[in-house]
Amino acid sequence: MNKRILEKINELHNVLKEELPDTAVLFELEINGTSISHNITYKTAEQLKLEHISMRNIKGEFIK
């Protein structure tokens, strides 16, 4: 992949880690010829326990 694109993706990742709450576990971005869309998934510790999932947030921290 293009070096500049990878740099921008890494920049976006850093901004997401800084700005999203600790319950954000997934950020999806879709870009096509006519639109840009994004989705953020949030999970609380209680939701993860009910689903029997041990998961990290966007920051890489375990949600306990």
N, C-alpha and C. Protein backbone atom coordinates (compact mmCIF):
# COMPACT_ATOMS: atom_id res chain seq x y z
N MET A 1 0.84 -1.18 0.00
CA MET A 1 0.00 0.00 0.00
C MET A 1 0.88 1.24 0.00
N ASN A 2 0.37 2.30 -0.53
CA ASN A 2 1.06 3.56 -0.63
C ASN A 2 1.50 4.06 0.76
N LYS A 3 2.74 4.52 0.85
CA LYS A 3 3.31 4.97 2.13
C LYS A 3 2.50 6.13 2.73
N ARG A 4 2.07 7.07 1.92
CA ARG A 4 1.31 8.22 2.43
C ARG A 4 -0.04 7.77 3.00
N ILE A 5 -0.69 6.83 2.33
CA ILE A 5 -1.97 6.31 2.83
C ILE A 5 -1.78 5.64 4.19
N LEU A 6 -0.73 4.83 4.30
CA LEU A 6 -0.45 4.17 5.58
C LEU A 6 -0.18 5.18 6.70
N GLU A 7 0.53 6.24 6.38
CA GLU A 7 0.79 7.29 7.37
C GLU A 7 -0.51 7.93 7.83
N LYS A 8 -1.42 8.21 6.91
CA LYS A 8 -2.70 8.84 7.25
C LYS A 8 -3.59 7.89 8.06
N ILE A 9 -3.55 6.61 7.74
CA ILE A 9 -4.30 5.62 8.52
C ILE A 9 -3.77 5.59 9.94
N ASN A 10 -2.46 5.62 10.10
CA ASN A 10 -1.86 5.63 11.44
C ASN A 10 -2.23 6.90 12.19
N GLU A 11 -2.27 8.04 11.49
CA GLU A 11 -2.70 9.28 12.13
C GLU A 11 -4.14 9.18 12.60
N LEU A 12 -5.01 8.64 11.76
CA LEU A 12 -6.41 8.45 12.14
C LEU A 12 -6.51 7.55 13.36
N HIS A 13 -5.76 6.47 13.38
CA HIS A 13 -5.78 5.55 14.51
C HIS A 13 -5.40 6.27 15.80
N ASN A 14 -4.38 7.11 15.74
CA ASN A 14 -3.96 7.86 16.92
C ASN A 14 -5.03 8.83 17.39
N VAL A 15 -5.69 9.51 16.46
CA VAL A 15 -6.77 10.44 16.83
C VAL A 15 -7.94 9.67 17.45
N LEU A 16 -8.28 8.54 16.88
CA LEU A 16 -9.36 7.73 17.43
C LEU A 16 -9.05 7.30 18.86
N LYS A 17 -7.81 6.87 19.10
CA LYS A 17 -7.42 6.46 20.45
C LYS A 17 -7.52 7.61 21.43
N GLU A 18 -7.22 8.81 20.98
CA GLU A 18 -7.28 9.98 21.86
C GLU A 18 -8.71 10.45 22.10
N GLU A 19 -9.55 10.39 21.09
CA GLU A 19 -10.85 11.05 21.15
C GLU A 19 -12.03 10.15 21.50
N LEU A 20 -11.96 8.87 21.18
CA LEU A 20 -13.10 8.00 21.44
C LEU A 20 -13.12 7.56 22.91
N PRO A 21 -14.31 7.30 23.44
CA PRO A 21 -14.39 6.83 24.83
C PRO A 21 -13.84 5.41 24.96
N ASP A 22 -13.59 5.02 26.20
CA ASP A 22 -13.00 3.71 26.47
C ASP A 22 -13.89 2.54 26.03
N THR A 23 -15.16 2.79 25.81
CA THR A 23 -16.08 1.72 25.41
C THR A 23 -16.11 1.49 23.90
N ALA A 24 -15.38 2.28 23.13
CA ALA A 24 -15.33 2.09 21.68
C ALA A 24 -14.44 0.90 21.35
N VAL A 25 -15.03 -0.09 20.69
CA VAL A 25 -14.27 -1.32 20.40
C VAL A 25 -14.02 -1.53 18.90
N LEU A 26 -14.74 -0.80 18.06
CA LEU A 26 -14.59 -1.01 16.62
C LEU A 26 -14.91 0.28 15.87
N PHE A 27 -14.06 0.63 14.93
CA PHE A 27 -14.30 1.77 14.03
C PHE A 27 -14.20 1.23 12.62
N GLU A 28 -15.25 1.42 11.84
CA GLU A 28 -15.26 0.96 10.46
C GLU A 28 -15.40 2.17 9.54
N LEU A 29 -14.62 2.19 8.48
CA LEU A 29 -14.64 3.28 7.52
C LEU A 29 -14.78 2.67 6.13
N GLU A 30 -15.73 3.20 5.37
CA GLU A 30 -15.93 2.74 3.99
C GLU A 30 -15.89 3.95 3.07
N ILE A 31 -15.04 3.87 2.09
CA ILE A 31 -14.89 4.94 1.10
C ILE A 31 -15.06 4.33 -0.28
N ASN A 32 -15.96 4.92 -1.06
CA ASN A 32 -16.09 4.47 -2.44
C ASN A 32 -16.14 5.70 -3.34
N GLY A 33 -16.48 5.53 -4.58
CA GLY A 33 -16.45 6.62 -5.54
C GLY A 33 -17.48 7.71 -5.30
N THR A 34 -18.49 7.43 -4.49
CA THR A 34 -19.56 8.42 -4.31
C THR A 34 -19.81 8.82 -2.86
N SER A 35 -19.24 8.10 -1.90
CA SER A 35 -19.56 8.44 -0.51
C SER A 35 -18.49 7.94 0.46
N ILE A 36 -18.59 8.47 1.66
CA ILE A 36 -17.77 8.02 2.79
C ILE A 36 -18.73 7.74 3.93
N SER A 37 -18.58 6.59 4.55
CA SER A 37 -19.41 6.28 5.71
C SER A 37 -18.54 5.68 6.80
N HIS A 38 -19.01 5.82 8.03
CA HIS A 38 -18.27 5.23 9.14
C HIS A 38 -19.26 4.73 10.18
N ASN A 39 -18.80 3.80 10.98
CA ASN A 39 -19.59 3.24 12.06
C ASN A 39 -18.66 2.99 13.25
N ILE A 40 -19.16 3.31 14.43
CA ILE A 40 -18.40 3.05 15.66
C ILE A 40 -19.23 2.13 16.53
N THR A 41 -18.63 1.05 17.00
CA THR A 41 -19.30 0.11 17.89
C THR A 41 -18.78 0.33 19.30
N TYR A 42 -19.72 0.43 20.23
CA TYR A 42 -19.41 0.61 21.64
C TYR A 42 -19.88 -0.61 22.40
N LYS A 43 -19.11 -1.05 23.37
CA LYS A 43 -19.51 -2.17 24.23
C LYS A 43 -19.12 -1.83 25.67
N THR A 44 -20.01 -2.10 26.57
CA THR A 44 -19.70 -1.93 27.99
C THR A 44 -19.12 -3.24 28.51
N ALA A 45 -18.53 -3.16 29.68
CA ALA A 45 -17.99 -4.38 30.30
C ALA A 45 -19.10 -5.39 30.52
N GLU A 46 -20.28 -4.91 30.90
CA GLU A 46 -21.41 -5.80 31.15
C GLU A 46 -21.84 -6.53 29.88
N GLN A 47 -21.87 -5.81 28.78
CA GLN A 47 -22.23 -6.44 27.50
C GLN A 47 -21.21 -7.51 27.13
N LEU A 48 -19.96 -7.21 27.31
CA LEU A 48 -18.91 -8.18 26.97
C LEU A 48 -19.01 -9.42 27.85
N LYS A 49 -19.30 -9.24 29.12
CA LYS A 49 -19.45 -10.39 30.02
C LYS A 49 -20.62 -11.26 29.60
N LEU A 50 -21.73 -10.64 29.24
CA LEU A 50 -22.90 -11.40 28.79
C LEU A 50 -22.59 -12.19 27.52
N GLU A 51 -21.76 -11.65 26.68
CA GLU A 51 -21.38 -12.31 25.42
C GLU A 51 -20.18 -13.23 25.59
N HIS A 52 -19.64 -13.29 26.81
CA HIS A 52 -18.46 -14.11 27.11
C HIS A 52 -17.28 -13.75 26.21
N ILE A 53 -17.11 -12.45 26.03
CA ILE A 53 -16.04 -11.94 25.18
C ILE A 53 -15.07 -11.11 26.03
N SER A 54 -13.80 -11.38 25.89
CA SER A 54 -12.78 -10.52 26.47
C SER A 54 -12.26 -9.67 25.32
N MET A 55 -12.46 -8.37 25.40
CA MET A 55 -12.16 -7.54 24.25
C MET A 55 -11.39 -6.29 24.65
N ARG A 56 -10.58 -5.82 23.74
CA ARG A 56 -9.85 -4.58 23.94
C ARG A 56 -10.60 -3.45 23.25
N ASN A 57 -10.43 -2.25 23.79
CA ASN A 57 -11.01 -1.08 23.14
C ASN A 57 -10.06 -0.57 22.07
N ILE A 58 -10.43 0.52 21.43
CA ILE A 58 -9.61 1.10 20.36
C ILE A 58 -8.20 1.44 20.86
N LYS A 59 -8.11 1.81 22.15
CA LYS A 59 -6.82 2.18 22.73
C LYS A 59 -5.93 0.97 23.01
N GLY A 60 -6.49 -0.25 22.88
CA GLY A 60 -5.73 -1.45 23.16
C GLY A 60 -5.84 -1.91 24.60
N GLU A 61 -6.69 -1.24 25.38
CA GLU A 61 -6.88 -1.60 26.78
C GLU A 61 -8.01 -2.59 26.91
N PHE A 62 -7.86 -3.54 27.85
CA PHE A 62 -8.94 -4.48 28.10
C PHE A 62 -10.09 -3.76 28.76
N ILE A 63 -11.30 -4.04 28.30
CA ILE A 63 -12.50 -3.52 28.96
C ILE A 63 -12.87 -4.55 30.00
N LYS A 64 -12.84 -4.13 31.24
CA LYS A 64 -13.09 -5.07 32.34
C LYS A 64 -14.44 -4.83 32.94
